[in-house]
Protein backbone atom coordinates (compact mmCIF):
# COMPACT_ATOMS: atom_id res chain seq x y z
CA UNK A 1 -0.01 0.01 0.23
CA UNK A 2 2.62 2.66 0.77
CA UNK A 3 4.86 2.11 -2.28
CA UNK A 4 1.42 2.38 -4.19
CA UNK A 5 1.15 5.90 -2.52
CA UNK A 6 4.31 7.07 -3.12
CA UNK A 7 4.60 6.45 -6.59
CA UNK A 8 1.53 8.77 -6.88
CA UNK A 9 3.33 11.58 -5.16
CA UNK A 10 6.28 10.58 -6.97
CA UNK A 11 4.07 11.07 -9.73
CA UNK A 12 2.30 14.98 -8.42
CA UNK A 13 5.39 15.57 -8.13
CA UNK A 14 6.72 14.94 -11.55
CA UNK A 15 3.98 16.66 -12.85
CA UNK A 16 4.54 19.70 -10.66
CA UNK A 17 8.16 20.12 -12.23
CA UNK A 18 7.04 19.74 -15.94
CA UNK A 19 4.94 22.52 -15.36
CA UNK A 20 7.10 24.39 -13.75
CA UNK A 21 9.52 23.89 -16.26
CA UNK A 22 7.51 24.36 -19.33
CA UNK A 23 6.68 27.66 -17.81
CA UNK A 24 10.84 28.42 -16.96
CA UNK A 25 11.32 27.44 -21.03
CA UNK A 26 8.38 29.45 -22.14
CA UNK A 27 9.65 32.74 -19.99
CA UNK A 28 12.85 32.34 -21.25
CA UNK A 29 11.80 32.15 -24.82
CA UNK A 30 10.03 35.84 -24.84
CA UNK A 31 12.63 37.78 -26.40
CA UNK A 32 14.08 34.99 -28.41
CA UNK A 33 15.69 34.75 -31.80
CA UNK A 34 14.16 32.52 -34.18
CA UNK A 35 16.54 29.63 -33.85
CA UNK A 36 16.21 30.21 -30.04
CA UNK A 37 12.76 29.40 -30.23
CA UNK A 38 13.21 26.45 -32.45
CA UNK A 39 15.16 24.85 -29.73
CA UNK A 40 12.60 26.55 -27.13
CA UNK A 41 10.34 23.97 -29.10
CA UNK A 42 12.09 20.92 -28.91
CA UNK A 43 12.74 21.26 -25.39
CA UNK A 44 9.18 22.08 -24.48
CA UNK A 45 8.33 18.89 -26.60
CA UNK A 46 11.32 16.54 -24.95
CA UNK A 47 9.66 17.64 -21.66
CA UNK A 48 6.51 17.04 -21.78
CA UNK A 49 7.55 13.54 -23.85
CA UNK A 50 9.55 12.27 -20.67
CA UNK A 51 6.62 13.12 -18.87
CA UNK A 52 3.87 10.87 -21.09
CA UNK A 53 6.65 8.00 -20.75
CA UNK A 54 6.93 8.04 -17.13
CA UNK A 55 3.23 8.28 -17.03
CA UNK A 56 2.56 5.55 -18.82
CA UNK A 57 5.27 3.41 -17.34
CA UNK A 58 4.36 4.77 -13.84
CA UNK A 59 1.03 3.44 -14.94
CA UNK A 60 2.44 -0.05 -16.30
CA UNK A 61 4.71 -1.17 -13.29
CA UNK A 62 1.69 -0.16 -11.04
CA UNK A 63 -0.57 -2.79 -12.73
CA UNK A 64 2.53 -5.84 -12.77
CA UNK A 65 3.13 -5.13 -9.15
CA UNK A 66 6.27 -3.30 -8.78
CA UNK A 67 4.74 -0.55 -7.20
CA UNK A 68 8.82 0.56 -6.18
CA UNK A 69 9.87 0.77 -9.94
CA UNK A 70 6.80 2.66 -10.42
CA UNK A 71 7.94 5.49 -7.83
CA UNK A 72 11.03 5.73 -9.75
CA UNK A 73 9.55 6.32 -13.23
CA UNK A 74 6.86 8.86 -11.30
CA UNK A 75 10.35 11.03 -10.03
CA UNK A 76 11.80 10.65 -13.71
CA UNK A 77 10.44 14.34 -15.08
CA UNK A 78 11.49 15.98 -12.20
CA UNK A 79 14.76 14.75 -12.05
CA UNK A 80 15.20 15.62 -15.71
CA UNK A 81 13.69 19.34 -15.08
CA UNK A 82 16.37 19.32 -12.30
CA UNK A 83 18.93 18.60 -14.93
CA UNK A 84 17.82 20.39 -17.89
CA UNK A 85 17.65 23.39 -16.15
CA UNK A 86 21.31 22.82 -14.62
CA UNK A 87 22.52 22.41 -18.15
CA UNK A 88 20.44 25.35 -19.38
CA UNK A 89 22.29 27.68 -15.97
CA UNK A 90 25.42 26.08 -16.99
CA UNK A 91 25.47 26.81 -20.67
CA UNK A 92 23.55 30.58 -19.95
CA UNK A 93 20.83 29.89 -22.24
C-alpha cells in the first residue's frame, strides 16, 4: 500500500516539476531569436515526452505490481527537469 501511495506522490511531484519547467522555458523565450525559439520548441516537446513516458511507465509498473519501480518512474520527470535546468544555467541559455 505504501509504495503505491509513494508512486502517486512521485507522479504528482513529476507533474509539478514538468509544469514549472514548461513555464520557465516559455518565459525564457520571450525575446528570443528564431533559432532559439526552434530550440525552445524541441525542449518543450522533450519535457512533455519525458512526462508522458513516465506516466505510462508508472501505470504499467503499477499494473504488474512493481510499485517501487513505479516510484522511480514517477519521479523521473522531476530529475530530468532539475538536470535540464542545471544544464541551461551552466550554458547561460
